[in-house]
Protein backbone atom coordinates (compact mmCIF):
# COMPACT_ATOMS: atom_id res chain seq x y z
CA UNK A 1 1.95 -6.31 1.20
CA UNK A 2 3.95 -3.10 0.96
CA UNK A 3 2.70 -0.02 2.82
CA UNK A 4 3.04 3.62 1.84
CA UNK A 5 2.71 6.61 4.10
CA UNK A 6 1.57 10.20 3.77
CA UNK A 7 2.87 12.27 6.65
CA UNK A 8 2.86 15.78 8.04
CA UNK A 9 5.84 17.25 9.86
CA UNK A 10 5.76 20.44 11.92
CA UNK A 11 8.41 22.78 13.28
CA UNK A 12 6.48 22.93 16.57
CA UNK A 13 2.97 23.38 17.92
CA UNK A 14 1.02 25.25 15.21
CA UNK A 15 4.32 25.76 13.40
CA UNK A 16 5.44 25.42 9.81
CA UNK A 17 4.04 22.29 8.10
CA UNK A 18 5.52 19.90 5.54
CA UNK A 19 3.56 17.15 3.74
CA UNK A 20 5.43 14.17 2.31
CA UNK A 21 5.07 10.58 1.11
CA UNK A 22 7.31 7.54 1.65
CA UNK A 23 7.39 3.76 1.62
CA UNK A 24 9.47 3.64 4.82
CA UNK A 25 8.23 6.03 7.48
CA UNK A 26 10.90 5.31 10.10
CA UNK A 27 13.75 5.83 7.64
CA UNK A 28 12.25 8.97 6.16
CA UNK A 29 11.62 10.58 9.55
CA UNK A 30 15.18 9.70 10.58
CA UNK A 31 16.42 11.49 7.44
CA UNK A 32 14.35 14.58 8.23
CA UNK A 33 15.38 14.69 11.91
CA UNK A 34 19.07 14.39 11.00
CA UNK A 35 18.90 17.01 8.23
CA UNK A 36 19.78 14.46 5.57
CA UNK A 37 16.95 15.77 3.38
CA UNK A 38 17.94 18.95 1.56
CA UNK A 39 15.26 21.53 1.02
CA UNK A 40 12.22 22.81 2.88
CA UNK A 41 12.24 20.62 6.00
CA UNK A 42 15.94 21.23 6.62
CA UNK A 43 15.77 24.96 5.90
CA UNK A 44 12.79 25.57 8.20
CA UNK A 45 13.62 22.93 10.87
CA UNK A 46 10.43 20.97 10.26
CA UNK A 47 11.21 17.68 12.03
CA UNK A 48 8.27 16.70 14.28
CA UNK A 49 6.00 13.95 12.95
CA UNK A 50 2.51 15.14 13.91
CA UNK A 51 0.35 13.08 11.55
CA UNK A 52 0.52 10.12 9.19
CA UNK A 53 -1.70 7.81 7.19
CA UNK A 54 -0.97 4.40 5.73
CA UNK A 55 -2.12 3.21 2.30
CA UNK A 56 -1.49 0.04 0.33
CA UNK A 57 -0.71 1.66 -3.01
CA UNK A 58 1.74 4.32 -4.08
CA UNK A 59 -0.94 5.83 -6.30
CA UNK A 60 -3.27 6.33 -3.33
CA UNK A 61 -0.44 7.79 -1.23
CA UNK A 62 0.59 10.27 -3.93
CA UNK A 63 -3.02 11.28 -4.56
CA UNK A 64 -3.55 11.88 -0.84
CA UNK A 65 -0.28 13.84 -0.57
CA UNK A 66 -1.39 16.11 -3.43
CA UNK A 67 -4.80 16.52 -1.82
CA UNK A 68 -3.30 17.53 1.53
CA UNK A 69 -0.84 19.91 -0.11
CA UNK A 70 -3.79 21.67 -1.76
CA UNK A 71 -5.69 22.01 1.50
CA UNK A 72 -5.82 25.28 3.36
CA UNK A 73 -3.62 25.47 6.42
CA UNK A 74 -6.56 25.42 8.86
CA UNK A 75 -7.85 22.15 7.33
CA UNK A 76 -4.43 20.57 7.92
CA UNK A 77 -4.23 21.86 11.49
CA UNK A 78 -7.78 20.61 12.14
CA UNK A 79 -6.74 17.17 10.86
CA UNK A 80 -3.72 17.17 13.15
CA UNK A 81 -5.74 18.45 16.13
CA UNK A 82 -8.39 15.74 15.61
CA UNK A 83 -5.85 12.92 15.85
CA UNK A 84 -2.96 14.48 17.79
CA UNK A 85 -4.24 17.50 19.77
CA UNK A 86 -0.98 18.04 21.67
CA UNK A 87 1.09 17.81 18.48
CA UNK A 88 3.35 15.26 20.15
CA UNK A 89 6.11 13.72 18.08
CA UNK A 90 4.60 10.48 16.78
CA UNK A 91 8.03 9.28 15.69
CA UNK A 92 8.76 8.41 19.32
CA UNK A 93 6.10 5.67 19.28
CA UNK A 94 5.50 4.68 15.68
CA UNK A 95 4.55 1.17 16.81
CA UNK A 96 1.94 2.52 19.25
CA UNK A 97 -0.08 4.44 16.70
CA UNK A 98 -1.46 3.19 13.41
CA UNK A 99 -3.70 5.54 11.45
CA UNK A 100 -5.25 3.91 8.42
CA UNK A 101 -6.47 6.23 5.69
CA UNK A 102 -9.86 4.51 5.76
CA UNK A 103 -10.38 5.64 9.37
CA UNK A 104 -9.55 9.29 8.68
CA UNK A 105 -12.41 11.47 7.48
CA UNK A 106 -11.86 13.18 4.14
CA UNK A 107 -11.94 16.88 4.97
CA UNK A 108 -12.33 19.84 2.72
CA UNK A 109 -13.69 20.11 -0.77
CA UNK A 110 -12.64 17.91 -3.62
CA UNK A 111 -9.26 18.71 -5.08
CA UNK A 112 -9.36 21.71 -7.37
CA UNK A 113 -12.39 23.39 -5.82
CA UNK A 114 -12.68 25.94 -3.04
């Protein structure tokens, strides 16, 4: 079955954050790290994979991406700190770490509320 990923990149520890979605995490991170993706991540040098989740449907991945994009910054940093407190680059060991969306607590209020 095909997997989809929601991921958060950072420019550094507690740096600028970028939330994205993909069906091929390794390829997409390679594109970000090599500045092959025009736009925000290239402009602000946001290349460190600090968090990701896996889902089995594109609809779930897109919904989660939208949810995370609507979160306040401190909710995102708390999520990263809970699973990756040193903000290490998870791209170095993608095979060593598998975070399923079912194992990640849903933080913050429902989308659209404060």
